[in-house]
Amino acid sequence: MHDDEWVPVYPENCHRVEGPFFHGTRADLSVGDLLTAGFTSNYDDRVVMNHVYFTSVPKGAGLAAEMARGAGRPRVYVVAPTGAFEDDPNVTNKKFPGNPTRSYRSASPLRIVGELESWEPYDAEFIRELRRRVEDGLGEIIN
């Protein structure tokens, strides 16, 4: 198997995936806090989340932080899963084979272990267009 060959991530084999991992939001949190499922989505107030989402790509977490609703500034936290996780079905195998965004979800909490001060941003126009698509309901969340 080649290093770039995708292997689906399930709770049974997630221990093979190495961090660091990141979560983007506008919430003001501290090291040691837990991100847990059961709260409304960062993108749609009508959806209560069954999972907590994260990625091993800082730029992707930065995009999630920029897209998140709320008054706080965009933040990217370094997180550690406290339980099993799997590929994020919202992006895995959607436009590209595998999980090129290296995005995951867990029903277990994520522990905040740090915060990134900066990350590579996306183009502001791209963020505006993506935000418009989310607001128009063009991106259903698989929860």
Protein backbone atom coordinates (compact mmCIF):
# COMPACT_ATOMS: atom_id res chain seq x y z
CA MET A 1 0.00 0.00 0.00
CA HIS A 2 1.26 3.51 -0.85
CA ASP A 3 1.37 6.31 1.69
CA ASP A 4 -1.20 8.28 -0.32
CA GLU A 5 -3.62 5.36 -0.63
CA TRP A 6 -6.78 6.10 1.34
CA VAL A 7 -7.94 3.65 3.98
CA PRO A 8 -11.43 4.37 5.37
CA VAL A 9 -11.38 5.42 9.02
CA TYR A 10 -13.85 3.64 11.29
CA PRO A 11 -14.03 3.55 15.09
CA GLU A 12 -12.26 0.18 14.98
CA ASN A 13 -9.14 1.49 13.19
CA CYS A 14 -9.08 5.19 14.13
CA HIS A 15 -6.08 4.63 16.42
CA ARG A 16 -3.98 4.48 13.22
CA VAL A 17 -4.71 8.13 12.40
CA GLU A 18 -2.19 10.49 13.93
CA GLY A 19 -2.79 14.14 14.79
CA PRO A 20 -2.40 16.85 15.52
CA PHE A 21 -6.11 17.55 15.12
CA PHE A 22 -7.91 20.89 14.86
CA HIS A 23 -11.43 22.25 15.40
CA GLY A 24 -12.62 25.62 14.08
CA THR A 25 -15.31 27.67 15.84
CA ARG A 26 -16.11 31.14 17.17
CA ALA A 27 -16.54 29.91 20.74
CA ASP A 28 -14.10 31.29 23.31
CA LEU A 29 -12.71 28.17 25.00
CA SER A 30 -9.76 27.27 27.22
CA VAL A 31 -7.21 24.48 27.35
CA GLY A 32 -8.81 21.53 29.12
CA ASP A 33 -12.36 22.35 27.99
CA LEU A 34 -14.33 19.62 26.22
CA LEU A 35 -16.16 20.03 22.92
CA THR A 36 -19.19 17.77 23.09
CA ALA A 37 -22.04 16.70 20.83
CA GLY A 38 -25.59 17.72 21.68
CA PHE A 39 -25.37 21.41 20.79
CA THR A 40 -26.63 23.29 17.75
CA SER A 41 -24.53 23.26 14.60
CA ASN A 42 -22.04 26.07 13.98
CA TYR A 43 -23.77 26.51 10.59
CA ASP A 44 -27.49 25.80 11.10
CA ASP A 45 -29.33 26.63 14.32
CA ARG A 46 -32.04 24.08 13.46
CA VAL A 47 -29.62 21.14 13.71
CA VAL A 48 -28.51 19.61 17.03
CA MET A 49 -25.25 17.79 16.43
CA ASN A 50 -24.79 14.10 17.29
CA HIS A 51 -21.03 14.35 16.64
CA VAL A 52 -18.12 16.75 17.06
CA TYR A 53 -16.14 17.40 13.88
CA PHE A 54 -12.41 17.95 13.47
CA THR A 55 -9.60 17.74 10.93
CA SER A 56 -5.87 17.28 10.73
CA VAL A 57 -5.64 20.23 8.29
CA PRO A 58 -5.28 23.62 10.04
CA LYS A 59 -6.53 25.52 6.96
CA GLY A 60 -9.71 23.40 6.95
CA ALA A 61 -10.34 24.15 10.62
CA GLY A 62 -9.74 27.83 9.81
CA LEU A 63 -12.42 27.66 7.14
CA ALA A 64 -14.82 26.05 9.64
CA ALA A 65 -14.06 28.87 12.09
CA GLU A 66 -14.70 31.53 9.42
CA MET A 67 -17.98 29.83 8.44
CA ALA A 68 -19.24 29.38 12.01
CA ARG A 69 -22.10 31.55 13.18
CA GLY A 70 -21.65 33.76 16.21
CA ALA A 71 -20.17 37.03 17.29
CA GLY A 72 -16.77 35.81 18.48
CA ARG A 73 -13.65 35.88 16.37
CA PRO A 74 -12.74 32.79 14.34
CA ARG A 75 -10.61 30.41 16.42
CA VAL A 76 -8.76 27.20 15.63
CA TYR A 77 -8.19 24.91 18.57
CA VAL A 78 -5.79 22.00 18.77
CA VAL A 79 -7.87 19.08 20.04
CA ALA A 80 -7.40 15.51 21.23
CA PRO A 81 -10.17 12.95 20.71
CA THR A 82 -11.26 11.23 23.94
CA GLY A 83 -12.86 8.30 22.12
CA ALA A 84 -13.26 6.59 18.78
CA PHE A 85 -13.85 8.55 15.57
CA GLU A 86 -14.54 8.00 11.88
CA ASP A 87 -14.31 9.76 8.51
CA ASP A 88 -16.65 12.75 8.19
CA PRO A 89 -19.40 11.52 5.83
CA ASN A 90 -20.17 15.11 4.79
CA VAL A 91 -16.94 15.30 2.78
CA THR A 92 -15.57 11.77 2.41
CA ASN A 93 -15.88 10.56 -1.19
CA LYS A 94 -18.08 13.55 -2.14
CA LYS A 95 -16.03 15.50 -4.73
CA PHE A 96 -12.75 13.59 -4.52
CA PRO A 97 -11.91 9.97 -3.72
CA GLY A 98 -11.23 9.23 -0.09
CA ASN A 99 -10.93 11.87 2.59
CA PRO A 100 -8.58 14.52 1.13
CA THR A 101 -9.69 17.08 3.75
CA ARG A 102 -8.69 14.62 6.50
CA SER A 103 -11.94 15.43 8.32
CA TYR A 104 -13.38 13.24 11.05
CA ARG A 105 -16.25 13.07 13.51
CA SER A 106 -16.71 11.59 16.96
CA ALA A 107 -19.63 11.07 19.31
CA SER A 108 -17.08 11.35 22.14
CA PRO A 109 -15.79 14.73 23.35
CA LEU A 110 -12.69 16.46 22.02
CA ARG A 111 -10.35 17.96 24.63
CA ILE A 112 -8.86 21.38 23.86
CA VAL A 113 -5.07 21.14 24.20
CA GLY A 114 -4.10 24.44 22.58
CA GLU A 115 -5.02 27.21 20.15
CA LEU A 116 -3.42 28.21 16.85
CA GLU A 117 -2.62 31.90 16.64
CA SER A 118 -2.74 31.89 12.83
CA TRP A 119 -3.47 29.61 9.91
CA GLU A 120 -3.50 29.92 6.11
CA PRO A 121 -6.74 31.73 5.24
CA TYR A 122 -9.08 31.08 2.33
CA ASP A 123 -9.94 33.86 -0.09
CA ALA A 124 -12.65 36.17 1.34
CA GLU A 125 -14.81 35.81 -1.78
CA PHE A 126 -14.68 32.00 -1.49
CA ILE A 127 -15.85 32.27 2.13
CA ARG A 128 -18.71 34.62 1.17
CA GLU A 129 -19.88 32.25 -1.59
CA LEU A 130 -19.67 29.21 0.67
CA ARG A 131 -21.57 31.04 3.42
CA ARG A 132 -24.28 31.96 0.88
CA ARG A 133 -24.58 28.32 -0.21
CA VAL A 134 -24.93 27.17 3.41
CA GLU A 135 -27.56 29.85 4.14
CA ASP A 136 -29.47 28.81 1.01
CA GLY A 137 -29.56 25.23 2.31
CA LEU A 138 -27.39 23.83 -0.47
CA GLY A 139 -25.29 21.78 1.89
CA GLU A 140 -27.26 19.35 4.06
CA ILE A 141 -25.39 18.20 7.16
CA ILE A 142 -25.13 14.45 7.62
CA ASN A 143 -25.36 14.12 11.37
